[in-house]
Amino acid sequence: MSQKRDMRHPAGAFGYVDFHQTRIVGRSTDAAARGVNWLIATIDAGRVAILGSIFATAIELIKLLHSPALDALRLTLPGMLLLGRFFSAWDVIAYWLAIFIGYLIDRRIRSAATV
């Protein structure tokens, strides 16, 4: 099977695979983009901030768990980037502060757009 890449597609080389002249991935990528746009437009910024804070805190708390599998994953580059290596309460505070600032900016932009 040959694989074509169409750079004109909105997702570029990653969003389009042509197997025997049948577009498979392009349609699902477009649907996912529409779903994300709908979600962003309809969800409240406060809820996004709360969910982001919970997610960031959970990821940071995972650093307190130590098992041979997790420690082996943390030694790889993807594991280091996704999970991190050491817990720091300062990181949690920095995440919350950045999420709060993002929330304030989002509120200001949305209120300016409605005026």
C-alpha atoms as a PDB file:
ATOM      1  CA  MET A   1       0.000   0.000   0.000  1.00  0.00           C
ATOM      2  CA  SER A   2       1.331   3.370  -0.916  1.00  0.00           C
ATOM      3  CA  GLN A   3       0.837   6.371   1.255  1.00  0.00           C
ATOM      4  CA  LYS A   4       0.200   9.829  -0.222  1.00  0.00           C
ATOM      5  CA  ARG A   5       0.503  13.030   1.701  1.00  0.00           C
ATOM      6  CA  ASP A   6      -1.460  16.075   0.661  1.00  0.00           C
ATOM      7  CA  MET A   7       0.087  19.268   2.012  1.00  0.00           C
ATOM      8  CA  ARG A   8      -3.006  21.249   0.987  1.00  0.00           C
ATOM      9  CA  HIS A   9      -5.106  19.496   3.624  1.00  0.00           C
ATOM     10  CA  PRO A  10      -5.726  21.664   6.741  1.00  0.00           C
ATOM     11  CA  ALA A  11      -3.941  19.138   8.935  1.00  0.00           C
ATOM     12  CA  GLY A  12      -0.978  19.018   6.553  1.00  0.00           C
ATOM     13  CA  ALA A  13       1.037  15.869   6.112  1.00  0.00           C
ATOM     14  CA  PHE A  14      -0.293  14.295   9.296  1.00  0.00           C
ATOM     15  CA  GLY A  15      -4.026  14.512   8.597  1.00  0.00           C
ATOM     16  CA  TYR A  16      -4.338  12.848   5.231  1.00  0.00           C
ATOM     17  CA  VAL A  17      -3.599   9.292   4.209  1.00  0.00           C
ATOM     18  CA  ASP A  18      -4.746   7.955   0.842  1.00  0.00           C
ATOM     19  CA  PHE A  19      -5.056   4.168   0.607  1.00  0.00           C
ATOM     20  CA  HIS A  20      -6.139   3.155  -2.915  1.00  0.00           C
ATOM     21  CA  GLN A  21      -7.667   6.572  -3.583  1.00  0.00           C
ATOM     22  CA  THR A  22      -9.902   6.411  -0.478  1.00  0.00           C
ATOM     23  CA  ARG A  23      -9.663   9.233   2.019  1.00  0.00           C
ATOM     24  CA  ILE A  24      -9.781   7.795   5.502  1.00  0.00           C
ATOM     25  CA  VAL A  25      -8.155  10.089   8.015  1.00  0.00           C
ATOM     26  CA  GLY A  26      -9.065  13.491   6.568  1.00  0.00           C
ATOM     27  CA  ARG A  27     -12.752  13.213   7.394  1.00  0.00           C
ATOM     28  CA  SER A  28     -12.214  12.102  10.966  1.00  0.00           C
ATOM     29  CA  THR A  29      -9.658  14.868  11.518  1.00  0.00           C
ATOM     30  CA  ASP A  30     -12.128  17.469  10.250  1.00  0.00           C
ATOM     31  CA  ALA A  31     -14.861  16.069  12.498  1.00  0.00           C
ATOM     32  CA  ALA A  32     -12.541  16.162  15.505  1.00  0.00           C
ATOM     33  CA  ALA A  33     -11.610  19.777  14.754  1.00  0.00           C
ATOM     34  CA  ARG A  34     -15.288  20.734  14.522  1.00  0.00           C
ATOM     35  CA  GLY A  35     -15.943  18.977  17.826  1.00  0.00           C
ATOM     36  CA  VAL A  36     -13.096  20.797  19.572  1.00  0.00           C
ATOM     37  CA  ASN A  37     -14.269  24.150  18.149  1.00  0.00           C
ATOM     38  CA  TRP A  38     -17.811  23.472  19.393  1.00  0.00           C
ATOM     39  CA  LEU A  39     -16.513  22.478  22.819  1.00  0.00           C
ATOM     40  CA  ILE A  40     -14.361  25.598  23.127  1.00  0.00           C
ATOM     41  CA  ALA A  41     -17.230  27.851  22.065  1.00  0.00           C
ATOM     42  CA  THR A  42     -19.788  26.328  24.438  1.00  0.00           C
ATOM     43  CA  ILE A  43     -17.895  25.463  27.619  1.00  0.00           C
ATOM     44  CA  ASP A  44     -17.503  28.055  30.340  1.00  0.00           C
ATOM     45  CA  ALA A  45     -13.986  29.375  30.924  1.00  0.00           C
ATOM     46  CA  GLY A  46     -14.323  28.767  34.663  1.00  0.00           C
ATOM     47  CA  ARG A  47     -15.016  25.081  34.096  1.00  0.00           C
ATOM     48  CA  VAL A  48     -12.038  24.822  31.778  1.00  0.00           C
ATOM     49  CA  ALA A  49      -9.854  26.438  34.448  1.00  0.00           C
ATOM     50  CA  ILE A  50     -11.105  24.034  37.117  1.00  0.00           C
ATOM     51  CA  LEU A  51     -10.609  20.997  34.876  1.00  0.00           C
ATOM     52  CA  GLY A  52      -7.147  22.227  33.913  1.00  0.00           C
ATOM     53  CA  SER A  53      -6.215  22.713  37.560  1.00  0.00           C
ATOM     54  CA  ILE A  54      -7.426  19.233  38.468  1.00  0.00           C
ATOM     55  CA  PHE A  55      -5.564  17.680  35.549  1.00  0.00           C
ATOM     56  CA  ALA A  56      -2.316  19.563  36.268  1.00  0.00           C
ATOM     57  CA  THR A  57      -2.487  18.671  39.959  1.00  0.00           C
ATOM     58  CA  ALA A  58      -3.174  15.007  39.169  1.00  0.00           C
ATOM     59  CA  ILE A  59      -0.189  14.834  36.824  1.00  0.00           C
ATOM     60  CA  GLU A  60       1.989  16.431  39.482  1.00  0.00           C
ATOM     61  CA  LEU A  61       0.721  14.027  42.166  1.00  0.00           C
ATOM     62  CA  ILE A  62       1.533  11.054  39.928  1.00  0.00           C
ATOM     63  CA  LYS A  63       5.174  11.987  40.490  1.00  0.00           C
ATOM     64  CA  LEU A  64       4.742  10.815  44.093  1.00  0.00           C
ATOM     65  CA  LEU A  65       3.917   7.277  42.918  1.00  0.00           C
ATOM     66  CA  HIS A  66       6.902   5.031  42.424  1.00  0.00           C
ATOM     67  CA  SER A  67       6.766   1.620  40.835  1.00  0.00           C
ATOM     68  CA  PRO A  68       9.361  -0.131  38.678  1.00  0.00           C
ATOM     69  CA  ALA A  69       7.249   0.416  35.545  1.00  0.00           C
ATOM     70  CA  LEU A  70       6.681   4.118  36.211  1.00  0.00           C
ATOM     71  CA  ASP A  71      10.314   4.689  37.148  1.00  0.00           C
ATOM     72  CA  ALA A  72      11.451   2.942  33.965  1.00  0.00           C
ATOM     73  CA  LEU A  73       9.060   5.116  31.936  1.00  0.00           C
ATOM     74  CA  ARG A  74      10.363   8.261  33.628  1.00  0.00           C
ATOM     75  CA  LEU A  75      13.897   7.438  32.449  1.00  0.00           C
ATOM     76  CA  THR A  76      12.802   7.736  28.801  1.00  0.00           C
ATOM     77  CA  LEU A  77      12.400  11.104  27.074  1.00  0.00           C
ATOM     78  CA  PRO A  78       8.621  10.747  26.512  1.00  0.00           C
ATOM     79  CA  GLY A  79       8.139   9.652  30.111  1.00  0.00           C
ATOM     80  CA  MET A  80      10.234  12.529  31.368  1.00  0.00           C
ATOM     81  CA  LEU A  81       8.245  15.036  29.294  1.00  0.00           C
ATOM     82  CA  LEU A  82       4.811  13.618  30.142  1.00  0.00           C
ATOM     83  CA  LEU A  83       5.239  12.586  33.768  1.00  0.00           C
ATOM     84  CA  GLY A  84       8.274  14.466  34.964  1.00  0.00           C
ATOM     85  CA  ARG A  85      10.726  13.072  37.453  1.00  0.00           C
ATOM     86  CA  PHE A  86      10.333  14.908  40.771  1.00  0.00           C
ATOM     87  CA  PHE A  87       7.359  16.333  42.663  1.00  0.00           C
ATOM     88  CA  SER A  88       7.404  20.004  43.533  1.00  0.00           C
ATOM     89  CA  ALA A  89       4.644  21.932  45.286  1.00  0.00           C
ATOM     90  CA  TRP A  90       5.997  25.069  43.596  1.00  0.00           C
ATOM     91  CA  ASP A  91       5.117  23.532  40.239  1.00  0.00           C
ATOM     92  CA  VAL A  92       1.508  23.069  41.333  1.00  0.00           C
ATOM     93  CA  ILE A  93       1.339  26.701  42.455  1.00  0.00           C
ATOM     94  CA  ALA A  94       2.863  27.842  39.156  1.00  0.00           C
ATOM     95  CA  TYR A  95       0.335  25.756  37.176  1.00  0.00           C
ATOM     96  CA  TRP A  96      -2.590  27.187  39.163  1.00  0.00           C
ATOM     97  CA  LEU A  97      -1.303  30.722  38.711  1.00  0.00           C
ATOM     98  CA  ALA A  98      -0.839  30.286  34.956  1.00  0.00           C
ATOM     99  CA  ILE A  99      -4.308  28.724  34.614  1.00  0.00           C
ATOM    100  CA  PHE A 100      -5.840  31.588  36.603  1.00  0.00           C
ATOM    101  CA  ILE A 101      -4.091  34.195  34.433  1.00  0.00           C
ATOM    102  CA  GLY A 102      -5.300  32.351  31.334  1.00  0.00           C
ATOM    103  CA  TYR A 103      -8.829  32.370  32.758  1.00  0.00           C
ATOM    104  CA  LEU A 104      -8.684  36.142  33.341  1.00  0.00           C
ATOM    105  CA  ILE A 105      -7.394  36.751  29.802  1.00  0.00           C
ATOM    106  CA  ASP A 106     -10.114  34.526  28.346  1.00  0.00           C
ATOM    107  CA  ARG A 107     -12.815  36.350  30.323  1.00  0.00           C
ATOM    108  CA  ARG A 108     -11.558  39.713  29.120  1.00  0.00           C
ATOM    109  CA  ILE A 109     -11.430  38.585  25.480  1.00  0.00           C
ATOM    110  CA  ARG A 110     -14.926  37.054  25.636  1.00  0.00           C
ATOM    111  CA  SER A 111     -16.393  40.135  27.324  1.00  0.00           C
ATOM    112  CA  ALA A 112     -14.788  42.440  24.727  1.00  0.00           C
ATOM    113  CA  ALA A 113     -16.186  40.278  21.929  1.00  0.00           C
ATOM    114  CA  THR A 114     -19.754  40.551  23.263  1.00  0.00           C
ATOM    115  CA  VAL A 115     -19.680  44.358  23.559  1.00  0.00           C
END
